[in-house]
Structure formats: structure tokens, C-alpha cells
Amino acid sequence: KKMSRTEEVNKMTENIYKGILDQFNPSLKNFVTMGKHYEKALTGVTVAAKGYFDALVKLGELASDSQGSKELGDTLFQMAEVHRQIQVQLEDVPNRAPSSWPPTCPASPQASYPPW
């Protein structure tokens, strides 16, 4: 049985869409997987950073109790404050949208990424 022109066009369109989806789906799955790995790593870094900060503060408190190591304690408190400020900035990064959204595609300056 010979297909009509409309059926041929429909079949070609379906094949094109199938080809696009076959290429797109593995990339999308990889993107989701990498996002999960990134989130897990970020959580680990946050937990480690909090432990580091708490230990630094504790050392500062212990050093401040002794007159001979008061200067060391003050330095440790300053380090803890700098670390705290860095951590606050890092935690705020995901909440900030890039100032030039949507970004342009590096391969083609005229093209931009889809809004999704």
C-alpha cells in the first residue's frame, strides 16, 4: 500500500521528533544526575564547613581564656569571622540569578538559551 503525501510527511515528522528525543533524553538524564551529585557535594561541603567553623570558634575560646594565648585566640576569632562571611556568600550563590539572564550561547552570540 502506497502512503499518501500527508502520511509520508507525518511519518517523516515522527521520525525527526523521535531522533531529537533519542538524543535529548540521555543528556537530560545526565543533567539531572549531575545536579543530584552537585547538591550532595554541596551539602557535604556545608557540613564540613560548619564543623570547621565550630572547631575554630572552640579553639578561639580556649586560647582566649589564657593570657599568654589571648592574641592567638583573637586571631582565631578573626579567622572564624572571615570563614563565616565566606560561607554566607557561598550559601547565597544558588539564590542569585545571573545579571545577564538569559545568557548568550558561546557558539552563536545571536542565539540565547531557551527560557526554561
PDB file of N, CA and C in Angstrom:
ATOM      1  N   LYS A   1       0.841  -1.179   0.000  1.00  0.00           N
ATOM      2  CA  LYS A   1       0.000   0.000   0.000  1.00  0.00           C
ATOM      3  C   LYS A   1       0.883   1.238   0.000  1.00  0.00           C
ATOM      4  N   LYS A   2       0.603   2.126  -0.889  1.00  0.00           N
ATOM      5  CA  LYS A   2       1.362   3.366  -1.002  1.00  0.00           C
ATOM      6  C   LYS A   2       0.782   4.413  -0.046  1.00  0.00           C
ATOM      7  N   MET A   3       1.698   5.098   0.666  1.00  0.00           N
ATOM      8  CA  MET A   3       1.247   6.138   1.603  1.00  0.00           C
ATOM      9  C   MET A   3       0.924   7.411   0.842  1.00  0.00           C
ATOM     10  N   SER A   4      -0.046   8.139   1.384  1.00  0.00           N
ATOM     11  CA  SER A   4      -0.355   9.447   0.797  1.00  0.00           C
ATOM     12  C   SER A   4       0.747  10.420   1.194  1.00  0.00           C
ATOM     13  N   ARG A   5       0.785  11.529   0.550  1.00  0.00           N
ATOM     14  CA  ARG A   5       1.799  12.555   0.840  1.00  0.00           C
ATOM     15  C   ARG A   5       1.686  13.008   2.294  1.00  0.00           C
ATOM     16  N   THR A   6       0.486  13.181   2.796  1.00  0.00           N
ATOM     17  CA  THR A   6       0.264  13.603   4.182  1.00  0.00           C
ATOM     18  C   THR A   6       0.806  12.552   5.146  1.00  0.00           C
ATOM     19  N   GLU A   7       0.558  11.276   4.843  1.00  0.00           N
ATOM     20  CA  GLU A   7       1.063  10.205   5.694  1.00  0.00           C
ATOM     21  C   GLU A   7       2.591  10.162   5.676  1.00  0.00           C
ATOM     22  N   GLU A   8       3.179  10.402   4.506  1.00  0.00           N
ATOM     23  CA  GLU A   8       4.640  10.434   4.392  1.00  0.00           C
ATOM     24  C   GLU A   8       5.219  11.559   5.248  1.00  0.00           C
ATOM     25  N   VAL A   9       4.604  12.745   5.154  1.00  0.00           N
ATOM     26  CA  VAL A   9       5.066  13.903   5.935  1.00  0.00           C
ATOM     27  C   VAL A   9       4.924  13.610   7.424  1.00  0.00           C
ATOM     28  N   ASN A  10       3.789  13.027   7.812  1.00  0.00           N
ATOM     29  CA  ASN A  10       3.582  12.686   9.225  1.00  0.00           C
ATOM     30  C   ASN A  10       4.634  11.692   9.707  1.00  0.00           C
ATOM     31  N   LYS A  11       4.926  10.683   8.898  1.00  0.00           N
ATOM     32  CA  LYS A  11       5.923   9.666   9.251  1.00  0.00           C
ATOM     33  C   LYS A  11       7.314  10.295   9.376  1.00  0.00           C
ATOM     34  N   MET A  12       7.662  11.171   8.428  1.00  0.00           N
ATOM     35  CA  MET A  12       8.959  11.855   8.482  1.00  0.00           C
ATOM     36  C   MET A  12       9.049  12.731   9.730  1.00  0.00           C
ATOM     37  N   THR A  13       7.967  13.435  10.043  1.00  0.00           N
ATOM     38  CA  THR A  13       7.938  14.302  11.226  1.00  0.00           C
ATOM     39  C   THR A  13       8.116  13.471  12.495  1.00  0.00           C
ATOM     40  N   GLU A  14       7.411  12.354  12.584  1.00  0.00           N
ATOM     41  CA  GLU A  14       7.545  11.469  13.746  1.00  0.00           C
ATOM     42  C   GLU A  14       8.977  10.966  13.888  1.00  0.00           C
ATOM     43  N   ASN A  15       9.595  10.591  12.777  1.00  0.00           N
ATOM     44  CA  ASN A  15      10.982  10.106  12.813  1.00  0.00           C
ATOM     45  C   ASN A  15      11.947  11.200  13.270  1.00  0.00           C
ATOM     46  N   ILE A  16      11.706  12.422  12.819  1.00  0.00           N
ATOM     47  CA  ILE A  16      12.555  13.553  13.241  1.00  0.00           C
ATOM     48  C   ILE A  16      12.408  13.777  14.739  1.00  0.00           C
ATOM     49  N   TYR A  17      11.152  13.824  15.230  1.00  0.00           N
ATOM     50  CA  TYR A  17      10.911  14.018  16.661  1.00  0.00           C
ATOM     51  C   TYR A  17      11.535  12.886  17.482  1.00  0.00           C
ATOM     52  N   LYS A  18      11.405  11.651  17.010  1.00  0.00           N
ATOM     53  CA  LYS A  18      11.982  10.511  17.714  1.00  0.00           C
ATOM     54  C   LYS A  18      13.504  10.650  17.781  1.00  0.00           C
ATOM     55  N   GLY A  19      14.113  11.060  16.674  1.00  0.00           N
ATOM     56  CA  GLY A  19      15.564  11.258  16.660  1.00  0.00           C
ATOM     57  C   GLY A  19      16.003  12.327  17.640  1.00  0.00           C
ATOM     58  N   ILE A  20      15.258  13.421  17.696  1.00  0.00           N
ATOM     59  CA  ILE A  20      15.583  14.505  18.639  1.00  0.00           C
ATOM     60  C   ILE A  20      15.464  14.007  20.072  1.00  0.00           C
ATOM     61  N   LEU A  21      14.358  13.318  20.376  1.00  0.00           N
ATOM     62  CA  LEU A  21      14.161  12.811  21.736  1.00  0.00           C
ATOM     63  C   LEU A  21      15.218  11.783  22.117  1.00  0.00           C
ATOM     64  N   ASP A  22      15.593  10.913  21.174  1.00  0.00           N
ATOM     65  CA  ASP A  22      16.626   9.915  21.463  1.00  0.00           C
ATOM     66  C   ASP A  22      17.955  10.579  21.816  1.00  0.00           C
ATOM     67  N   GLN A  23      18.240  11.723  21.215  1.00  0.00           N
ATOM     68  CA  GLN A  23      19.476  12.452  21.517  1.00  0.00           C
ATOM     69  C   GLN A  23      19.333  13.284  22.787  1.00  0.00           C
ATOM     70  N   PHE A  24      18.139  13.842  23.008  1.00  0.00           N
ATOM     71  CA  PHE A  24      17.922  14.770  24.115  1.00  0.00           C
ATOM     72  C   PHE A  24      17.826  14.040  25.454  1.00  0.00           C
ATOM     73  N   ASN A  25      17.114  12.918  25.497  1.00  0.00           N
ATOM     74  CA  ASN A  25      16.862  12.229  26.764  1.00  0.00           C
ATOM     75  C   ASN A  25      18.126  11.816  27.513  1.00  0.00           C
ATOM     76  N   PRO A  26      19.134  11.224  26.867  1.00  0.00           N
ATOM     77  CA  PRO A  26      20.354  10.884  27.630  1.00  0.00           C
ATOM     78  C   PRO A  26      21.024  12.127  28.229  1.00  0.00           C
ATOM     79  N   SER A  27      21.016  13.221  27.499  1.00  0.00           N
ATOM     80  CA  SER A  27      21.619  14.456  28.024  1.00  0.00           C
ATOM     81  C   SER A  27      20.828  14.976  29.209  1.00  0.00           C
ATOM     82  N   LEU A  28      19.510  14.895  29.119  1.00  0.00           N
ATOM     83  CA  LEU A  28      18.660  15.360  30.213  1.00  0.00           C
ATOM     84  C   LEU A  28      18.867  14.488  31.454  1.00  0.00           C
ATOM     85  N   LYS A  29      18.931  13.177  31.258  1.00  0.00           N
ATOM     86  CA  LYS A  29      19.176  12.273  32.390  1.00  0.00           C
ATOM     87  C   LYS A  29      20.531  12.578  33.029  1.00  0.00           C
ATOM     88  N   ASN A  30      21.545  12.802  32.211  1.00  0.00           N
ATOM     89  CA  ASN A  30      22.873  13.139  32.715  1.00  0.00           C
ATOM     90  C   ASN A  30      22.834  14.453  33.491  1.00  0.00           C
ATOM     91  N   PHE A  31      22.104  15.430  32.974  1.00  0.00           N
ATOM     92  CA  PHE A  31      21.971  16.726  33.635  1.00  0.00           C
ATOM     93  C   PHE A  31      21.347  16.559  35.025  1.00  0.00           C
ATOM     94  N   VAL A  32      20.274  15.776  35.119  1.00  0.00           N
ATOM     95  CA  VAL A  32      19.604  15.546  36.400  1.00  0.00           C
ATOM     96  C   VAL A  32      20.540  14.809  37.360  1.00  0.00           C
ATOM     97  N   THR A  33      21.236  13.792  36.859  1.00  0.00           N
ATOM     98  CA  THR A  33      22.170  13.035  37.691  1.00  0.00           C
ATOM     99  C   THR A  33      23.285  13.940  38.218  1.00  0.00           C
ATOM    100  N   MET A  34      23.861  14.757  37.345  1.00  0.00           N
ATOM    101  CA  MET A  34      24.934  15.665  37.773  1.00  0.00           C
ATOM    102  C   MET A  34      24.405  16.683  38.784  1.00  0.00           C
ATOM    103  N   GLY A  35      23.170  17.136  38.606  1.00  0.00           N
ATOM    104  CA  GLY A  35      22.561  18.059  39.565  1.00  0.00           C
ATOM    105  C   GLY A  35      22.445  17.431  40.945  1.00  0.00           C
ATOM    106  N   LYS A  36      22.054  16.159  40.975  1.00  0.00           N
ATOM    107  CA  LYS A  36      21.947  15.455  42.259  1.00  0.00           C
ATOM    108  C   LYS A  36      23.321  15.300  42.904  1.00  0.00           C
ATOM    109  N   HIS A  37      24.332  14.950  42.100  1.00  0.00           N
ATOM    110  CA  HIS A  37      25.699  14.830  42.631  1.00  0.00           C
ATOM    111  C   HIS A  37      26.194  16.175  43.168  1.00  0.00           C
ATOM    112  N   TYR A  38      25.905  17.239  42.430  1.00  0.00           N
ATOM    113  CA  TYR A  38      26.327  18.582  42.839  1.00  0.00           C
ATOM    114  C   TYR A  38      25.674  18.958  44.167  1.00  0.00           C
ATOM    115  N   GLU A  39      24.372  18.706  44.282  1.00  0.00           N
ATOM    116  CA  GLU A  39      23.657  19.040  45.517  1.00  0.00           C
ATOM    117  C   GLU A  39      24.218  18.251  46.702  1.00  0.00           C
ATOM    118  N   LYS A  40      24.510  16.964  46.490  1.00  0.00           N
ATOM    119  CA  LYS A  40      25.068  16.129  47.551  1.00  0.00           C
ATOM    120  C   LYS A  40      26.451  16.639  47.972  1.00  0.00           C
ATOM    121  N   ALA A  41      27.268  16.999  46.991  1.00  0.00           N
ATOM    122  CA  ALA A  41      28.606  17.521  47.291  1.00  0.00           C
ATOM    123  C   ALA A  41      28.517  18.841  48.045  1.00  0.00           C
ATOM    124  N   LEU A  42      27.601  19.699  47.626  1.00  0.00           N
ATOM    125  CA  LEU A  42      27.428  20.994  48.283  1.00  0.00           C
ATOM    126  C   LEU A  42      26.983  20.809  49.729  1.00  0.00           C
ATOM    127  N   THR A  43      26.097  19.843  49.962  1.00  0.00           N
ATOM    128  CA  THR A  43      25.660  19.550  51.327  1.00  0.00           C
ATOM    129  C   THR A  43      26.843  19.072  52.166  1.00  0.00           C
ATOM    130  N   GLY A  44      27.681  18.207  51.591  1.00  0.00           N
ATOM    131  CA  GLY A  44      28.866  17.727  52.304  1.00  0.00           C
ATOM    132  C   GLY A  44      29.819  18.849  52.650  1.00  0.00           C
ATOM    133  N   VAL A  45      30.020  19.761  51.719  1.00  0.00           N
ATOM    134  CA  VAL A  45      30.903  20.909  51.959  1.00  0.00           C
ATOM    135  C   VAL A  45      30.327  21.784  53.065  1.00  0.00           C
ATOM    136  N   THR A  46      29.020  21.983  53.059  1.00  0.00           N
ATOM    137  CA  THR A  46      28.385  22.818  54.075  1.00  0.00           C
ATOM    138  C   THR A  46      28.551  22.203  55.462  1.00  0.00           C
ATOM    139  N   VAL A  47      28.353  20.894  55.569  1.00  0.00           N
ATOM    140  CA  VAL A  47      28.517  20.206  56.856  1.00  0.00           C
ATOM    141  C   VAL A  47      29.970  20.305  57.327  1.00  0.00           C
ATOM    142  N   ALA A  48      30.910  20.065  56.420  1.00  0.00           N
ATOM    143  CA  ALA A  48      32.334  20.151  56.777  1.00  0.00           C
ATOM    144  C   ALA A  48      32.702  21.573  57.188  1.00  0.00           C
ATOM    145  N   ALA A  49      32.177  22.560  56.475  1.00  0.00           N
ATOM    146  CA  ALA A  49      32.482  23.959  56.787  1.00  0.00           C
ATOM    147  C   ALA A  49      31.948  24.333  58.165  1.00  0.00           C
ATOM    148  N   LYS A  50      30.757  23.855  58.511  1.00  0.00           N
ATOM    149  CA  LYS A  50      30.196  24.154  59.828  1.00  0.00           C
ATOM    150  C   LYS A  50      31.056  23.526  60.920  1.00  0.00           C
ATOM    151  N   GLY A  51      31.498  22.284  60.705  1.00  0.00           N
ATOM    152  CA  GLY A  51      32.375  21.629  61.676  1.00  0.00           C
ATOM    153  C   GLY A  51      33.682  22.382  61.845  1.00  0.00           C
ATOM    154  N   TYR A  52      34.247  22.845  60.737  1.00  0.00           N
ATOM    155  CA  TYR A  52      35.491  23.621  60.767  1.00  0.00           C
ATOM    156  C   TYR A  52      35.280  24.916  61.546  1.00  0.00           C
ATOM    157  N   PHE A  53      34.180  25.611  61.256  1.00  0.00           N
ATOM    158  CA  PHE A  53      33.867  26.873  61.925  1.00  0.00           C
ATOM    159  C   PHE A  53      33.708  26.645  63.432  1.00  0.00           C
ATOM    160  N   ASP A  54      32.940  25.619  63.813  1.00  0.00           N
ATOM    161  CA  ASP A  54      32.723  25.334  65.236  1.00  0.00           C
ATOM    162  C   ASP A  54      34.042  25.032  65.949  1.00  0.00           C
ATOM    163  N   ALA A  55      34.916  24.245  65.295  1.00  0.00           N
ATOM    164  CA  ALA A  55      36.220  23.918  65.892  1.00  0.00           C
ATOM    165  C   ALA A  55      37.084  25.166  66.035  1.00  0.00           C
ATOM    166  N   LEU A  56      37.038  26.039  65.041  1.00  0.00           N
ATOM    167  CA  LEU A  56      37.813  27.278  65.075  1.00  0.00           C
ATOM    168  C   LEU A  56      37.349  28.169  66.224  1.00  0.00           C
ATOM    169  N   VAL A  57      36.038  28.282  66.398  1.00  0.00           N
ATOM    170  CA  VAL A  57      35.492  29.091  67.494  1.00  0.00           C
ATOM    171  C   VAL A  57      35.901  28.489  68.840  1.00  0.00           C
ATOM    172  N   LYS A  58      35.805  27.159  68.966  1.00  0.00           N
ATOM    173  CA  LYS A  58      36.171  26.499  70.218  1.00  0.00           C
ATOM    174  C   LYS A  58      37.647  26.743  70.550  1.00  0.00           C
ATOM    175  N   LEU A  59      38.525  26.623  69.537  1.00  0.00           N
ATOM    176  CA  LEU A  59      39.948  26.913  69.755  1.00  0.00           C
ATOM    177  C   LEU A  59      40.144  28.365  70.180  1.00  0.00           C
ATOM    178  N   GLY A  60      39.410  29.262  69.553  1.00  0.00           N
ATOM    179  CA  GLY A  60      39.497  30.675  69.915  1.00  0.00           C
ATOM    180  C   GLY A  60      39.077  30.914  71.350  1.00  0.00           C
ATOM    181  N   GLU A  61      37.994  30.243  71.773  1.00  0.00           N
ATOM    182  CA  GLU A  61      37.526  30.381  73.157  1.00  0.00           C
ATOM    183  C   GLU A  61      38.570  29.853  74.136  1.00  0.00           C
ATOM    184  N   LEU A  62      39.133  28.685  73.824  1.00  0.00           N
ATOM    185  CA  LEU A  62      40.149  28.103  74.707  1.00  0.00           C
ATOM    186  C   LEU A  62      41.385  28.993  74.786  1.00  0.00           C
ATOM    187  N   ALA A  63      41.809  29.524  73.654  1.00  0.00           N
ATOM    188  CA  ALA A  63      43.001  30.374  73.629  1.00  0.00           C
ATOM    189  C   ALA A  63      42.746  31.697  74.338  1.00  0.00           C
ATOM    190  N   SER A  64      41.527  32.206  74.275  1.00  0.00           N
ATOM    191  CA  SER A  64      41.214  33.494  74.910  1.00  0.00           C
ATOM    192  C   SER A  64      41.210  33.391  76.427  1.00  0.00           C
ATOM    193  N   ASP A  65      41.008  32.189  76.955  1.00  0.00           N
ATOM    194  CA  ASP A  65      40.974  32.007  78.410  1.00  0.00           C
ATOM    195  C   ASP A  65      42.343  32.219  79.055  1.00  0.00           C
ATOM    196  N   SER A  66      43.395  32.017  78.297  1.00  0.00           N
ATOM    197  CA  SER A  66      44.750  32.133  78.828  1.00  0.00           C
ATOM    198  C   SER A  66      45.353  33.462  78.385  1.00  0.00           C
ATOM    199  N   GLN A  67      45.984  34.179  79.296  1.00  0.00           N
ATOM    200  CA  GLN A  67      46.568  35.477  78.960  1.00  0.00           C
ATOM    201  C   GLN A  67      47.670  35.318  77.925  1.00  0.00           C
ATOM    202  N   GLY A  68      48.447  34.247  78.028  1.00  0.00           N
ATOM    203  CA  GLY A  68      49.562  34.040  77.111  1.00  0.00           C
ATOM    204  C   GLY A  68      49.116  33.761  75.681  1.00  0.00           C
ATOM    205  N   SER A  69      47.928  33.212  75.507  1.00  0.00           N
ATOM    206  CA  SER A  69      47.479  32.870  74.155  1.00  0.00           C
ATOM    207  C   SER A  69      46.289  33.719  73.701  1.00  0.00           C
ATOM    208  N   LYS A  70      46.060  34.850  74.398  1.00  0.00           N
ATOM    209  CA  LYS A  70      44.932  35.716  74.045  1.00  0.00           C
ATOM    210  C   LYS A  70      45.047  36.215  72.611  1.00  0.00           C
ATOM    211  N   GLU A  71      46.255  36.576  72.205  1.00  0.00           N
ATOM    212  CA  GLU A  71      46.457  37.068  70.837  1.00  0.00           C
ATOM    213  C   GLU A  71      46.110  35.974  69.817  1.00  0.00           C
ATOM    214  N   LEU A  72      46.499  34.742  70.134  1.00  0.00           N
ATOM    215  CA  LEU A  72      46.157  33.615  69.260  1.00  0.00           C
ATOM    216  C   LEU A  72      44.641  33.449  69.191  1.00  0.00           C
ATOM    217  N   GLY A  73      43.981  33.570  70.337  1.00  0.00           N
ATOM    218  CA  GLY A  73      42.517  33.465  70.373  1.00  0.00           C
ATOM    219  C   GLY A  73      41.857  34.529  69.518  1.00  0.00           C
ATOM    220  N   ASP A  74      42.353  35.770  69.626  1.00  0.00           N
ATOM    221  CA  ASP A  74      41.793  36.862  68.813  1.00  0.00           C
ATOM    222  C   ASP A  74      41.970  36.575  67.323  1.00  0.00           C
ATOM    223  N   THR A  75      43.135  36.053  66.954  1.00  0.00           N
ATOM    224  CA  THR A  75      43.396  35.718  65.548  1.00  0.00           C
ATOM    225  C   THR A  75      42.459  34.615  65.078  1.00  0.00           C
ATOM    226  N   LEU A  76      42.249  33.604  65.923  1.00  0.00           N
ATOM    227  CA  LEU A  76      41.338  32.514  65.557  1.00  0.00           C
ATOM    228  C   LEU A  76      39.906  33.022  65.388  1.00  0.00           C
ATOM    229  N   PHE A  77      39.485  33.946  66.252  1.00  0.00           N
ATOM    230  CA  PHE A  77      38.145  34.527  66.103  1.00  0.00           C
ATOM    231  C   PHE A  77      38.027  35.306  64.793  1.00  0.00           C
ATOM    232  N   GLN A  78      39.094  36.032  64.434  1.00  0.00           N
ATOM    233  CA  GLN A  78      39.081  36.757  63.155  1.00  0.00           C
ATOM    234  C   GLN A  78      38.983  35.777  61.985  1.00  0.00           C
ATOM    235  N   MET A  79      39.741  34.677  62.068  1.00  0.00           N
ATOM    236  CA  MET A  79      39.666  33.660  61.011  1.00  0.00           C
ATOM    237  C   MET A  79      38.255  33.075  60.925  1.00  0.00           C
ATOM    238  N   ALA A  80      37.656  32.824  62.087  1.00  0.00           N
ATOM    239  CA  ALA A  80      36.302  32.268  62.111  1.00  0.00           C
ATOM    240  C   ALA A  80      35.312  33.235  61.469  1.00  0.00           C
ATOM    241  N   GLU A  81      35.481  34.518  61.722  1.00  0.00           N
ATOM    242  CA  GLU A  81      34.570  35.515  61.143  1.00  0.00           C
ATOM    243  C   GLU A  81      34.717  35.572  59.627  1.00  0.00           C
ATOM    244  N   VAL A  82      35.949  35.545  59.137  1.00  0.00           N
ATOM    245  CA  VAL A  82      36.171  35.538  57.681  1.00  0.00           C
ATOM    246  C   VAL A  82      35.552  34.282  57.074  1.00  0.00           C
ATOM    247  N   HIS A  83      35.769  33.144  57.729  1.00  0.00           N
ATOM    248  CA  HIS A  83      35.191  31.887  57.243  1.00  0.00           C
ATOM    249  C   HIS A  83      33.665  31.969  57.224  1.00  0.00           C
ATOM    250  N   ARG A  84      33.078  32.536  58.261  1.00  0.00           N
ATOM    251  CA  ARG A  84      31.615  32.674  58.327  1.00  0.00           C
ATOM    252  C   ARG A  84      31.110  33.529  57.174  1.00  0.00           C
ATOM    253  N   GLN A  85      31.795  34.641  56.891  1.00  0.00           N
ATOM    254  CA  GLN A  85      31.384  35.518  55.787  1.00  0.00           C
ATOM    255  C   GLN A  85      31.467  34.794  54.442  1.00  0.00           C
ATOM    256  N   ILE A  86      32.525  34.025  54.246  1.00  0.00           N
ATOM    257  CA  ILE A  86      32.666  33.250  53.001  1.00  0.00           C
ATOM    258  C   ILE A  86      31.527  32.246  52.885  1.00  0.00           C
ATOM    259  N   GLN A  87      31.203  31.564  53.984  1.00  0.00           N
ATOM    260  CA  GLN A  87      30.144  30.558  53.972  1.00  0.00           C
ATOM    261  C   GLN A  87      28.793  31.190  53.653  1.00  0.00           C
ATOM    262  N   VAL A  88      28.526  32.361  54.212  1.00  0.00           N
ATOM    263  CA  VAL A  88      27.270  33.064  53.921  1.00  0.00           C
ATOM    264  C   VAL A  88      27.191  33.392  52.436  1.00  0.00           C
ATOM    265  N   GLN A  89      28.293  33.849  51.864  1.00  0.00           N
ATOM    266  CA  GLN A  89      28.311  34.167  50.430  1.00  0.00           C
ATOM    267  C   GLN A  89      28.108  32.917  49.590  1.00  0.00           C
ATOM    268  N   LEU A  90      28.736  31.803  49.968  1.00  0.00           N
ATOM    269  CA  LEU A  90      28.582  30.555  49.216  1.00  0.00           C
ATOM    270  C   LEU A  90      27.147  30.045  49.278  1.00  0.00           C
ATOM    271  N   GLU A  91      26.522  30.150  50.448  1.00  0.00           N
ATOM    272  CA  GLU A  91      25.143  29.690  50.585  1.00  0.00           C
ATOM    273  C   GLU A  91      24.187  30.564  49.794  1.00  0.00           C
ATOM    274  N   ASP A  92      24.570  31.816  49.545  1.00  0.00           N
ATOM    275  CA  ASP A  92      23.710  32.747  48.818  1.00  0.00           C
ATOM    276  C   ASP A  92      23.836  32.583  47.306  1.00  0.00           C
ATOM    277  N   VAL A  93      24.901  31.917  46.824  1.00  0.00           N
ATOM    278  CA  VAL A  93      25.141  31.783  45.381  1.00  0.00           C
ATOM    279  C   VAL A  93      23.956  31.174  44.643  1.00  0.00           C
ATOM    280  N   PRO A  94      23.365  30.048  45.113  1.00  0.00           N
ATOM    281  CA  PRO A  94      22.240  29.479  44.359  1.00  0.00           C
ATOM    282  C   PRO A  94      21.017  30.390  44.309  1.00  0.00           C
ATOM    283  N   ASN A  95      20.906  31.325  45.244  1.00  0.00           N
ATOM    284  CA  ASN A  95      19.744  32.213  45.286  1.00  0.00           C
ATOM    285  C   ASN A  95      19.862  33.393  44.338  1.00  0.00           C
ATOM    286  N   ARG A  96      21.070  33.643  43.839  1.00  0.00           N
ATOM    287  CA  ARG A  96      21.276  34.791  42.953  1.00  0.00           C
ATOM    288  C   ARG A  96      21.189  34.360  41.506  1.00  0.00           C
ATOM    289  N   ALA A  97      20.373  35.075  40.747  1.00  0.00           N
ATOM    290  CA  ALA A  97      20.306  34.817  39.304  1.00  0.00           C
ATOM    291  C   ALA A  97      21.399  35.631  38.636  1.00  0.00           C
ATOM    292  N   PRO A  98      21.967  35.117  37.562  1.00  0.00           N
ATOM    293  CA  PRO A  98      22.979  35.898  36.841  1.00  0.00           C
ATOM    294  C   PRO A  98      22.398  37.226  36.377  1.00  0.00           C
ATOM    295  N   SER A  99      23.234  38.254  36.366  1.00  0.00           N
ATOM    296  CA  SER A  99      22.749  39.585  35.993  1.00  0.00           C
ATOM    297  C   SER A  99      22.399  39.670  34.520  1.00  0.00           C
ATOM    298  N   SER A 100      22.968  38.796  33.714  1.00  0.00           N
ATOM    299  CA  SER A 100      22.688  38.848  32.280  1.00  0.00           C
ATOM    300  C   SER A 100      21.885  37.621  31.865  1.00  0.00           C
ATOM    301  N   TRP A 101      20.733  37.414  32.466  1.00  0.00           N
ATOM    302  CA  TRP A 101      19.891  36.266  32.129  1.00  0.00           C
ATOM    303  C   TRP A 101      18.923  36.642  31.047  1.00  0.00           C
ATOM    304  N   PRO A 102      18.676  35.867  30.039  1.00  0.00           N
ATOM    305  CA  PRO A 102      19.325  34.596  29.792  1.00  0.00           C
ATOM    306  C   PRO A 102      20.691  34.798  29.169  1.00  0.00           C
ATOM    307  N   PRO A 103      21.647  33.903  29.467  1.00  0.00           N
ATOM    308  CA  PRO A 103      22.982  34.053  28.885  1.00  0.00           C
ATOM    309  C   PRO A 103      22.955  33.769  27.396  1.00  0.00           C
ATOM    310  N   THR A 104      23.936  34.311  26.701  1.00  0.00           N
ATOM    311  CA  THR A 104      24.013  34.032  25.271  1.00  0.00           C
ATOM    312  C   THR A 104      24.796  32.756  25.056  1.00  0.00           C
ATOM    313  N   CYS A 105      24.512  32.102  23.980  1.00  0.00           N
ATOM    314  CA  CYS A 105      25.185  30.854  23.639  1.00  0.00           C
ATOM    315  C   CYS A 105      26.589  31.180  23.142  1.00  0.00           C
ATOM    316  N   PRO A 106      27.641  30.571  23.712  1.00  0.00           N
ATOM    317  CA  PRO A 106      29.006  30.899  23.286  1.00  0.00           C
ATOM    318  C   PRO A 106      29.257  30.616  21.807  1.00  0.00           C
ATOM    319  N   ALA A 107      28.602  29.596  21.255  1.00  0.00           N
ATOM    320  CA  ALA A 107      28.841  29.243  19.857  1.00  0.00           C
ATOM    321  C   ALA A 107      28.230  30.261  18.904  1.00  0.00           C
ATOM    322  N   SER A 108      27.171  30.898  19.334  1.00  0.00           N
ATOM    323  CA  SER A 108      26.482  31.845  18.468  1.00  0.00           C
ATOM    324  C   SER A 108      26.029  33.042  19.297  1.00  0.00           C
ATOM    325  N   PRO A 109      26.711  34.177  19.202  1.00  0.00           N
ATOM    326  CA  PRO A 109      26.374  35.331  20.037  1.00  0.00           C
ATOM    327  C   PRO A 109      24.930  35.806  19.854  1.00  0.00           C
ATOM    328  N   GLN A 110      24.320  35.533  18.708  1.00  0.00           N
ATOM    329  CA  GLN A 110      22.950  35.988  18.482  1.00  0.00           C
ATOM    330  C   GLN A 110      21.938  35.076  19.173  1.00  0.00           C
ATOM    331  N   ALA A 111      22.293  33.814  19.339  1.00  0.00           N
ATOM    332  CA  ALA A 111      21.352  32.855  19.919  1.00  0.00           C
ATOM    333  C   ALA A 111      21.378  32.966  21.436  1.00  0.00           C
ATOM    334  N   SER A 112      20.276  32.624  22.062  1.00  0.00           N
ATOM    335  CA  SER A 112      20.256  32.577  23.516  1.00  0.00           C
ATOM    336  C   SER A 112      19.666  31.244  23.939  1.00  0.00           C
ATOM    337  N   TYR A 113      19.919  30.888  25.199  1.00  0.00           N
ATOM    338  CA  TYR A 113      19.415  29.630  25.701  1.00  0.00           C
ATOM    339  C   TYR A 113      17.904  29.708  25.831  1.00  0.00           C
ATOM    340  N   PRO A 114      17.222  28.565  25.782  1.00  0.00           N
ATOM    341  CA  PRO A 114      15.769  28.573  25.978  1.00  0.00           C
ATOM    342  C   PRO A 114      15.436  29.077  27.372  1.00  0.00           C
ATOM    343  N   PRO A 115      14.280  29.684  27.568  1.00  0.00           N
ATOM    344  CA  PRO A 115      13.934  30.281  28.865  1.00  0.00           C
ATOM    345  C   PRO A 115      13.591  29.273  29.948  1.00  0.00           C
ATOM    346  N   TRP A 116      13.624  27.984  29.666  1.00  0.00           N
ATOM    347  CA  TRP A 116      13.318  27.007  30.700  1.00  0.00           C
ATOM    348  C   TRP A 116      14.532  26.772  31.506  1.00  0.00           C
TER     349      TRP A 116
END
